[in-house]
N, C-alpha and C. Protein backbone atom coordinates (compact mmCIF):
# COMPACT_ATOMS: atom_id res chain seq x y z
N UNK A 1 -130.83 -8.75 -75.63
CA UNK A 1 -131.05 -9.73 -76.67
C UNK A 1 -130.65 -9.09 -78.01
N UNK A 2 -129.90 -9.83 -78.82
CA UNK A 2 -129.53 -9.33 -80.14
C UNK A 2 -130.64 -9.63 -81.13
N UNK A 3 -130.54 -9.02 -82.30
CA UNK A 3 -131.53 -9.28 -83.34
C UNK A 3 -131.38 -10.67 -83.94
N UNK A 4 -130.17 -11.22 -83.89
CA UNK A 4 -129.93 -12.53 -84.48
C UNK A 4 -130.28 -13.63 -83.48
N UNK A 5 -131.23 -14.51 -83.84
CA UNK A 5 -131.54 -15.63 -82.93
C UNK A 5 -130.32 -16.53 -82.74
N UNK A 6 -130.26 -17.16 -81.58
CA UNK A 6 -129.16 -18.08 -81.26
C UNK A 6 -129.72 -19.38 -80.70
N UNK A 7 -128.90 -20.42 -80.78
CA UNK A 7 -129.26 -21.70 -80.19
C UNK A 7 -129.24 -21.54 -78.68
N UNK A 8 -130.38 -21.75 -78.05
CA UNK A 8 -130.51 -21.63 -76.60
C UNK A 8 -130.22 -22.95 -75.91
N UNK A 9 -130.74 -24.05 -76.48
CA UNK A 9 -130.52 -25.37 -75.89
C UNK A 9 -130.58 -26.45 -76.97
N UNK A 10 -129.92 -27.57 -76.65
CA UNK A 10 -129.87 -28.73 -77.55
C UNK A 10 -130.25 -29.96 -76.73
N UNK A 11 -131.15 -30.78 -77.31
CA UNK A 11 -131.60 -32.00 -76.62
C UNK A 11 -131.56 -33.18 -77.58
N UNK A 12 -131.09 -34.31 -77.09
CA UNK A 12 -131.10 -35.55 -77.86
C UNK A 12 -131.63 -36.67 -76.96
N UNK A 13 -132.22 -37.67 -77.60
CA UNK A 13 -132.71 -38.85 -76.87
C UNK A 13 -132.26 -40.08 -77.64
N UNK A 14 -131.73 -41.07 -76.93
CA UNK A 14 -131.23 -42.28 -77.59
C UNK A 14 -132.33 -43.15 -78.17
N UNK A 15 -133.52 -43.09 -77.60
CA UNK A 15 -134.62 -43.91 -78.08
C UNK A 15 -135.93 -43.16 -77.90
N UNK A 16 -136.97 -43.67 -78.54
CA UNK A 16 -138.27 -43.03 -78.59
C UNK A 16 -138.84 -42.65 -77.22
N UNK A 17 -138.85 -43.54 -76.31
CA UNK A 17 -139.51 -43.26 -75.02
C UNK A 17 -138.53 -42.86 -73.91
N UNK A 18 -137.26 -42.77 -74.23
CA UNK A 18 -136.29 -42.33 -73.23
C UNK A 18 -136.31 -40.81 -73.11
N UNK A 19 -136.05 -40.29 -71.92
CA UNK A 19 -136.02 -38.83 -71.77
C UNK A 19 -134.88 -38.22 -72.59
N UNK A 20 -135.06 -36.96 -72.97
CA UNK A 20 -133.99 -36.26 -73.68
C UNK A 20 -132.91 -35.89 -72.67
N UNK A 21 -131.72 -35.70 -73.19
CA UNK A 21 -130.64 -35.18 -72.35
C UNK A 21 -130.15 -33.89 -73.00
N UNK A 22 -129.79 -32.95 -72.16
CA UNK A 22 -129.31 -31.66 -72.62
C UNK A 22 -127.82 -31.75 -72.88
N UNK A 23 -127.39 -31.24 -74.05
CA UNK A 23 -125.97 -31.23 -74.41
C UNK A 23 -125.60 -29.81 -74.83
N UNK A 24 -124.33 -29.49 -74.73
CA UNK A 24 -123.86 -28.16 -75.13
C UNK A 24 -123.54 -28.08 -76.61
N UNK A 25 -123.29 -29.25 -77.22
CA UNK A 25 -123.03 -29.31 -78.65
C UNK A 25 -123.38 -30.70 -79.15
N UNK A 26 -123.61 -30.78 -80.46
CA UNK A 26 -123.95 -32.06 -81.06
C UNK A 26 -123.39 -32.11 -82.48
N UNK A 27 -122.94 -33.29 -82.89
CA UNK A 27 -122.45 -33.47 -84.25
C UNK A 27 -123.62 -33.74 -85.17
N UNK A 28 -123.69 -32.97 -86.25
CA UNK A 28 -124.73 -33.15 -87.27
C UNK A 28 -124.08 -33.81 -88.48
N UNK A 29 -124.69 -34.88 -88.97
CA UNK A 29 -124.16 -35.58 -90.14
C UNK A 29 -125.12 -35.40 -91.30
N UNK A 30 -124.62 -34.81 -92.37
CA UNK A 30 -125.43 -34.58 -93.57
C UNK A 30 -126.15 -35.85 -93.99
N UNK A 31 -127.46 -35.73 -94.20
CA UNK A 31 -128.26 -36.85 -94.67
C UNK A 31 -128.50 -37.95 -93.65
N UNK A 32 -128.03 -37.77 -92.39
CA UNK A 32 -128.17 -38.82 -91.38
C UNK A 32 -128.84 -38.33 -90.09
N UNK A 33 -128.52 -37.15 -89.64
CA UNK A 33 -129.11 -36.64 -88.40
C UNK A 33 -128.09 -36.27 -87.36
N UNK A 34 -128.56 -36.13 -86.13
CA UNK A 34 -127.70 -35.76 -85.01
C UNK A 34 -127.17 -37.01 -84.34
N UNK A 35 -125.86 -37.07 -84.18
CA UNK A 35 -125.23 -38.23 -83.56
C UNK A 35 -125.73 -38.36 -82.12
N UNK A 36 -126.20 -39.56 -81.77
CA UNK A 36 -126.70 -39.81 -80.43
C UNK A 36 -128.19 -39.61 -80.28
N UNK A 37 -128.87 -39.18 -81.35
CA UNK A 37 -130.32 -38.96 -81.27
C UNK A 37 -131.06 -40.13 -81.91
N UNK A 38 -132.28 -40.34 -81.45
CA UNK A 38 -133.10 -41.46 -81.91
C UNK A 38 -133.38 -41.44 -83.40
N UNK A 39 -133.34 -40.27 -84.03
CA UNK A 39 -133.61 -40.19 -85.47
C UNK A 39 -132.34 -40.23 -86.32
N UNK A 40 -131.18 -40.39 -85.69
CA UNK A 40 -129.94 -40.50 -86.45
C UNK A 40 -130.04 -41.71 -87.37
N UNK A 41 -129.81 -41.49 -88.65
CA UNK A 41 -129.89 -42.56 -89.63
C UNK A 41 -131.23 -42.63 -90.34
N UNK A 42 -132.22 -41.84 -89.90
CA UNK A 42 -133.51 -41.85 -90.59
C UNK A 42 -133.36 -41.13 -91.93
N UNK A 43 -134.27 -41.40 -92.82
CA UNK A 43 -134.16 -40.85 -94.17
C UNK A 43 -134.40 -39.34 -94.22
N UNK A 44 -135.38 -38.84 -93.49
CA UNK A 44 -135.72 -37.43 -93.61
C UNK A 44 -135.72 -36.66 -92.30
N UNK A 45 -136.26 -37.22 -91.24
CA UNK A 45 -136.43 -36.48 -89.99
C UNK A 45 -135.10 -36.44 -89.23
N UNK A 46 -134.30 -35.45 -89.53
CA UNK A 46 -132.98 -35.36 -88.93
C UNK A 46 -132.93 -34.48 -87.69
N UNK A 47 -133.61 -33.34 -87.73
CA UNK A 47 -133.51 -32.34 -86.65
C UNK A 47 -134.87 -31.65 -86.50
N UNK A 48 -135.27 -31.42 -85.25
CA UNK A 48 -136.45 -30.61 -85.00
C UNK A 48 -136.00 -29.32 -84.30
N UNK A 49 -136.61 -28.21 -84.70
CA UNK A 49 -136.23 -26.89 -84.18
C UNK A 49 -137.49 -26.17 -83.71
N UNK A 50 -137.39 -25.53 -82.54
CA UNK A 50 -138.48 -24.73 -81.99
C UNK A 50 -137.91 -23.42 -81.47
N UNK A 51 -138.81 -22.48 -81.12
CA UNK A 51 -138.35 -21.21 -80.56
C UNK A 51 -138.89 -21.03 -79.14
N UNK A 52 -138.16 -20.31 -78.35
CA UNK A 52 -138.58 -20.00 -76.99
C UNK A 52 -139.88 -19.19 -77.00
N UNK A 53 -140.07 -18.34 -78.00
CA UNK A 53 -141.31 -17.54 -78.08
C UNK A 53 -142.53 -18.46 -78.20
N UNK A 54 -142.43 -19.49 -79.03
CA UNK A 54 -143.55 -20.44 -79.15
C UNK A 54 -143.77 -21.20 -77.85
N UNK A 55 -142.68 -21.57 -77.17
CA UNK A 55 -142.81 -22.27 -75.89
C UNK A 55 -143.48 -21.39 -74.84
N UNK A 56 -143.11 -20.13 -74.83
CA UNK A 56 -143.72 -19.20 -73.86
C UNK A 56 -145.21 -19.04 -74.13
N UNK A 57 -145.59 -18.94 -75.42
CA UNK A 57 -147.01 -18.83 -75.76
C UNK A 57 -147.75 -20.10 -75.35
N UNK A 58 -147.17 -21.26 -75.58
CA UNK A 58 -147.79 -22.53 -75.19
C UNK A 58 -147.89 -22.62 -73.67
N UNK A 59 -146.85 -22.17 -72.97
CA UNK A 59 -146.85 -22.18 -71.50
C UNK A 59 -147.98 -21.33 -70.93
N UNK A 60 -148.20 -20.18 -71.57
CA UNK A 60 -149.27 -19.29 -71.12
C UNK A 60 -150.63 -19.97 -71.28
N UNK A 61 -150.84 -20.63 -72.40
CA UNK A 61 -152.10 -21.34 -72.64
C UNK A 61 -152.27 -22.49 -71.64
N UNK A 62 -151.17 -23.22 -71.41
CA UNK A 62 -151.22 -24.37 -70.51
C UNK A 62 -151.35 -23.95 -69.04
N UNK A 63 -150.81 -22.78 -68.71
CA UNK A 63 -150.87 -22.31 -67.33
C UNK A 63 -149.69 -22.77 -66.50
N UNK A 64 -148.65 -23.26 -67.15
CA UNK A 64 -147.40 -23.63 -66.46
C UNK A 64 -146.27 -23.61 -67.47
N UNK A 65 -145.06 -23.43 -66.95
CA UNK A 65 -143.89 -23.39 -67.82
C UNK A 65 -143.65 -24.74 -68.48
N UNK A 66 -143.24 -24.69 -69.74
CA UNK A 66 -142.89 -25.90 -70.48
C UNK A 66 -141.38 -25.91 -70.69
N UNK A 67 -140.73 -26.92 -70.14
CA UNK A 67 -139.29 -27.07 -70.31
C UNK A 67 -138.99 -27.47 -71.75
N UNK A 68 -138.05 -26.80 -72.42
CA UNK A 68 -137.74 -27.14 -73.82
C UNK A 68 -137.41 -28.61 -74.06
N UNK A 69 -136.74 -29.25 -73.11
CA UNK A 69 -136.38 -30.65 -73.28
C UNK A 69 -137.56 -31.60 -73.25
N UNK A 70 -138.62 -31.21 -72.58
CA UNK A 70 -139.80 -32.08 -72.49
C UNK A 70 -140.62 -32.11 -73.78
N UNK A 71 -140.40 -31.14 -74.68
CA UNK A 71 -141.13 -31.14 -75.95
C UNK A 71 -140.52 -32.14 -76.93
N UNK A 72 -139.32 -32.63 -76.63
CA UNK A 72 -138.58 -33.60 -77.44
C UNK A 72 -138.06 -33.00 -78.73
N UNK A 73 -138.04 -31.69 -78.84
CA UNK A 73 -137.42 -31.03 -79.98
C UNK A 73 -135.92 -30.97 -79.72
N UNK A 74 -135.14 -31.05 -80.80
CA UNK A 74 -133.68 -31.08 -80.65
C UNK A 74 -133.08 -29.72 -80.33
N UNK A 75 -133.52 -28.70 -81.05
CA UNK A 75 -132.90 -27.38 -80.94
C UNK A 75 -133.96 -26.37 -80.52
N UNK A 76 -133.64 -25.54 -79.53
CA UNK A 76 -134.51 -24.43 -79.15
C UNK A 76 -133.73 -23.14 -79.39
N UNK A 77 -134.34 -22.22 -80.14
CA UNK A 77 -133.74 -20.91 -80.40
C UNK A 77 -134.26 -19.91 -79.40
N UNK A 78 -133.43 -18.92 -79.04
CA UNK A 78 -133.80 -17.96 -78.00
C UNK A 78 -134.90 -16.99 -78.41
N UNK A 79 -135.08 -16.73 -79.69
CA UNK A 79 -136.16 -15.87 -80.17
C UNK A 79 -136.28 -15.99 -81.69
N UNK A 80 -137.28 -15.31 -82.23
CA UNK A 80 -137.48 -15.30 -83.67
C UNK A 80 -138.66 -16.15 -84.10
N UNK A 81 -139.10 -15.92 -85.32
CA UNK A 81 -140.19 -16.69 -85.93
C UNK A 81 -139.58 -17.62 -86.96
N UNK A 82 -139.70 -18.90 -86.71
CA UNK A 82 -139.14 -19.90 -87.62
C UNK A 82 -139.85 -19.90 -88.97
N UNK A 83 -139.11 -20.18 -90.04
CA UNK A 83 -139.79 -20.40 -91.32
C UNK A 83 -140.48 -21.76 -91.25
N UNK A 84 -141.73 -21.81 -91.66
CA UNK A 84 -142.47 -23.07 -91.60
C UNK A 84 -142.78 -23.62 -92.99
N UNK A 85 -142.50 -22.84 -94.00
CA UNK A 85 -142.78 -23.28 -95.37
C UNK A 85 -141.76 -24.32 -95.81
N UNK A 86 -142.21 -25.46 -96.34
CA UNK A 86 -141.27 -26.46 -96.84
C UNK A 86 -140.28 -25.85 -97.84
N UNK A 87 -139.06 -26.33 -97.76
CA UNK A 87 -137.95 -25.90 -98.61
C UNK A 87 -137.36 -24.55 -98.21
N UNK A 88 -137.77 -24.01 -97.06
CA UNK A 88 -137.05 -22.88 -96.49
C UNK A 88 -135.73 -23.42 -95.97
N UNK A 89 -134.76 -22.55 -95.80
CA UNK A 89 -133.45 -22.99 -95.33
C UNK A 89 -133.08 -22.31 -94.03
N UNK A 90 -132.48 -23.08 -93.14
CA UNK A 90 -131.98 -22.60 -91.85
C UNK A 90 -130.49 -22.88 -91.80
N UNK A 91 -129.76 -22.01 -91.14
CA UNK A 91 -128.35 -22.27 -90.88
C UNK A 91 -128.15 -22.09 -89.39
N UNK A 92 -127.65 -23.13 -88.72
CA UNK A 92 -127.31 -23.07 -87.29
C UNK A 92 -125.80 -23.18 -87.20
N UNK A 93 -125.13 -22.07 -86.89
CA UNK A 93 -123.68 -22.05 -86.95
C UNK A 93 -123.27 -22.28 -88.40
N UNK A 94 -122.51 -23.34 -88.65
CA UNK A 94 -122.08 -23.66 -90.02
C UNK A 94 -122.88 -24.79 -90.65
N UNK A 95 -123.94 -25.24 -89.98
CA UNK A 95 -124.71 -26.38 -90.45
C UNK A 95 -125.98 -25.89 -91.15
N UNK A 96 -126.19 -26.39 -92.38
CA UNK A 96 -127.36 -25.98 -93.16
C UNK A 96 -128.46 -27.04 -93.07
N UNK A 97 -129.69 -26.55 -92.88
CA UNK A 97 -130.86 -27.42 -92.79
C UNK A 97 -131.93 -26.95 -93.76
N UNK A 98 -132.77 -27.89 -94.16
CA UNK A 98 -133.91 -27.58 -95.03
C UNK A 98 -135.19 -27.94 -94.28
N UNK A 99 -136.12 -26.99 -94.22
CA UNK A 99 -137.39 -27.24 -93.56
C UNK A 99 -138.21 -28.21 -94.41
N UNK A 100 -138.71 -29.27 -93.77
CA UNK A 100 -139.56 -30.24 -94.46
C UNK A 100 -141.03 -29.99 -94.18
N UNK A 101 -141.34 -29.73 -92.89
CA UNK A 101 -142.73 -29.55 -92.51
C UNK A 101 -142.81 -29.01 -91.10
N UNK A 102 -144.01 -28.60 -90.72
CA UNK A 102 -144.28 -28.19 -89.35
C UNK A 102 -144.27 -29.45 -88.48
N UNK A 103 -143.71 -29.36 -87.30
CA UNK A 103 -143.65 -30.49 -86.37
C UNK A 103 -144.93 -30.53 -85.54
N UNK A 104 -145.68 -31.58 -85.69
CA UNK A 104 -146.92 -31.74 -84.92
C UNK A 104 -146.58 -32.21 -83.51
N UNK A 105 -147.22 -31.63 -82.50
CA UNK A 105 -146.97 -32.08 -81.13
C UNK A 105 -147.49 -33.50 -80.91
N UNK A 106 -146.78 -34.26 -80.12
CA UNK A 106 -147.13 -35.65 -79.83
C UNK A 106 -148.14 -35.71 -78.68
N UNK A 107 -149.05 -36.68 -78.74
CA UNK A 107 -150.05 -36.83 -77.68
C UNK A 107 -149.41 -37.21 -76.35
N UNK A 108 -148.20 -37.72 -76.38
CA UNK A 108 -147.50 -38.08 -75.14
C UNK A 108 -147.09 -36.87 -74.32
N UNK A 109 -147.14 -35.67 -74.92
CA UNK A 109 -146.81 -34.45 -74.16
C UNK A 109 -147.73 -34.29 -72.96
N UNK A 110 -148.97 -34.74 -73.09
CA UNK A 110 -149.90 -34.65 -71.96
C UNK A 110 -149.43 -35.50 -70.79
N UNK A 111 -148.74 -36.60 -71.06
CA UNK A 111 -148.17 -37.44 -70.00
C UNK A 111 -146.86 -36.86 -69.47
N UNK A 112 -146.01 -36.38 -70.36
CA UNK A 112 -144.69 -35.91 -69.97
C UNK A 112 -144.70 -34.55 -69.30
N UNK A 113 -145.62 -33.67 -69.73
CA UNK A 113 -145.64 -32.30 -69.20
C UNK A 113 -146.84 -32.09 -68.28
N UNK A 114 -148.04 -32.13 -68.86
CA UNK A 114 -149.29 -31.95 -68.10
C UNK A 114 -150.46 -32.13 -69.06
N UNK A 115 -151.62 -32.52 -68.54
CA UNK A 115 -152.80 -32.60 -69.41
C UNK A 115 -153.03 -31.26 -70.11
N UNK A 116 -153.25 -31.31 -71.41
CA UNK A 116 -153.45 -30.09 -72.20
C UNK A 116 -152.19 -29.59 -72.90
N UNK A 117 -151.04 -30.20 -72.61
CA UNK A 117 -149.79 -29.75 -73.22
C UNK A 117 -149.80 -29.89 -74.74
N UNK A 118 -150.32 -31.01 -75.22
CA UNK A 118 -150.36 -31.22 -76.67
C UNK A 118 -151.18 -30.12 -77.35
N UNK A 119 -152.33 -29.82 -76.79
CA UNK A 119 -153.19 -28.78 -77.36
C UNK A 119 -152.49 -27.41 -77.31
N UNK A 120 -151.83 -27.11 -76.22
CA UNK A 120 -151.16 -25.81 -76.09
C UNK A 120 -150.01 -25.66 -77.09
N UNK A 121 -149.42 -26.79 -77.51
CA UNK A 121 -148.31 -26.76 -78.47
C UNK A 121 -148.78 -26.76 -79.92
N UNK A 122 -150.10 -26.90 -80.16
CA UNK A 122 -150.62 -26.91 -81.52
C UNK A 122 -150.24 -25.61 -82.23
N UNK A 123 -149.65 -25.72 -83.41
CA UNK A 123 -149.14 -24.59 -84.21
C UNK A 123 -147.95 -23.89 -83.54
N UNK A 124 -147.37 -24.51 -82.53
CA UNK A 124 -146.21 -23.96 -81.83
C UNK A 124 -145.12 -25.03 -81.65
N UNK A 125 -145.21 -26.10 -82.41
CA UNK A 125 -144.31 -27.24 -82.22
C UNK A 125 -143.01 -27.18 -82.99
N UNK A 126 -142.76 -26.08 -83.70
CA UNK A 126 -141.52 -25.96 -84.44
C UNK A 126 -141.59 -26.63 -85.80
N UNK A 127 -140.41 -26.98 -86.31
CA UNK A 127 -140.31 -27.56 -87.66
C UNK A 127 -139.40 -28.78 -87.65
N UNK A 128 -139.65 -29.65 -88.63
CA UNK A 128 -138.81 -30.82 -88.88
C UNK A 128 -137.92 -30.47 -90.06
N UNK A 129 -136.62 -30.75 -89.91
CA UNK A 129 -135.66 -30.38 -90.94
C UNK A 129 -134.79 -31.56 -91.37
N UNK A 130 -134.25 -31.43 -92.57
CA UNK A 130 -133.27 -32.37 -93.13
C UNK A 130 -131.91 -31.66 -93.07
N UNK A 131 -130.87 -32.42 -92.74
CA UNK A 131 -129.52 -31.85 -92.69
C UNK A 131 -128.92 -31.85 -94.10
N UNK A 132 -128.48 -30.68 -94.54
CA UNK A 132 -127.86 -30.55 -95.86
C UNK A 132 -126.35 -30.46 -95.77
N UNK A 133 -125.82 -30.34 -94.56
CA UNK A 133 -124.36 -30.32 -94.38
C UNK A 133 -124.02 -30.88 -93.00
N UNK A 134 -122.77 -31.23 -92.83
CA UNK A 134 -122.29 -31.76 -91.55
C UNK A 134 -121.56 -30.68 -90.78
N UNK A 135 -121.44 -30.89 -89.47
CA UNK A 135 -120.71 -29.96 -88.62
C UNK A 135 -121.17 -30.08 -87.19
N UNK A 136 -120.72 -29.17 -86.37
CA UNK A 136 -121.09 -29.16 -84.96
C UNK A 136 -122.06 -28.02 -84.72
N UNK A 137 -123.17 -28.32 -84.06
CA UNK A 137 -124.12 -27.29 -83.63
C UNK A 137 -123.89 -27.10 -82.14
N UNK A 138 -123.68 -25.83 -81.74
CA UNK A 138 -123.37 -25.51 -80.35
C UNK A 138 -124.37 -24.53 -79.77
N UNK A 139 -124.60 -24.63 -78.46
CA UNK A 139 -125.37 -23.61 -77.77
C UNK A 139 -124.66 -22.27 -78.01
N UNK A 140 -125.42 -21.26 -78.37
CA UNK A 140 -124.86 -19.94 -78.67
C UNK A 140 -124.65 -19.67 -80.15
N UNK A 141 -124.70 -20.72 -80.99
CA UNK A 141 -124.55 -20.51 -82.44
C UNK A 141 -125.67 -19.62 -82.95
N UNK A 142 -125.33 -18.76 -83.92
CA UNK A 142 -126.34 -17.92 -84.55
C UNK A 142 -127.22 -18.76 -85.47
N UNK A 143 -128.47 -18.34 -85.60
CA UNK A 143 -129.42 -18.99 -86.51
C UNK A 143 -129.84 -17.98 -87.57
N UNK A 144 -129.77 -18.41 -88.82
CA UNK A 144 -130.19 -17.58 -89.95
C UNK A 144 -131.12 -18.41 -90.82
N UNK A 145 -132.08 -17.76 -91.48
CA UNK A 145 -132.96 -18.50 -92.38
C UNK A 145 -133.42 -17.64 -93.53
N UNK A 146 -133.90 -18.36 -94.56
CA UNK A 146 -134.47 -17.68 -95.71
C UNK A 146 -135.61 -18.53 -96.27
N UNK A 147 -136.59 -17.85 -96.84
CA UNK A 147 -137.73 -18.52 -97.44
C UNK A 147 -137.31 -19.13 -98.78
N UNK A 148 -138.05 -20.13 -99.25
CA UNK A 148 -137.71 -20.73 -100.53
C UNK A 148 -137.86 -19.72 -101.66
N UNK A 149 -137.05 -19.88 -102.71
CA UNK A 149 -137.14 -19.02 -103.88
C UNK A 149 -138.40 -19.37 -104.65
N UNK A 150 -139.00 -18.38 -105.25
CA UNK A 150 -140.21 -18.62 -106.05
C UNK A 150 -139.84 -19.47 -107.25
N UNK A 151 -140.70 -20.44 -107.57
CA UNK A 151 -140.43 -21.31 -108.71
C UNK A 151 -141.25 -20.91 -109.94
N UNK A 152 -142.05 -19.84 -109.81
CA UNK A 152 -142.83 -19.41 -110.97
C UNK A 152 -141.93 -18.64 -111.93
N UNK A 153 -142.23 -18.77 -113.22
CA UNK A 153 -141.40 -18.08 -114.23
C UNK A 153 -142.24 -17.22 -115.11
């Protein structure tokens, strides 16, 4: 494993209750979202990002493996600690994202994965981001991030 986190998997779903599908790449449109995903065209919630480390910790609590696609997050990184502070910046390949907030796990996870899945994902659900640029995000792309600059003077 290298020190630089990479995109491990990408998932999109055409509608709210439809299962996600795994893709090798996805087009990201600045200010709109991921083409083919249920949130494409929404004002703010463009992309959700999680890490495999958080999934493994949640799996241990739950007592069974959690498939990244079942969490309904768009992007799973192979390792690293995501920035969770609003206005932090992420870059996936050539696409820039801005962290808006921590992604709260949905109560439907208990139905999709197993009873207790939502609780096991608490504080491990990744982040919700806004797209600041357009481009293609691919499995294997490097992920880089930085915390927001201090605004105190």
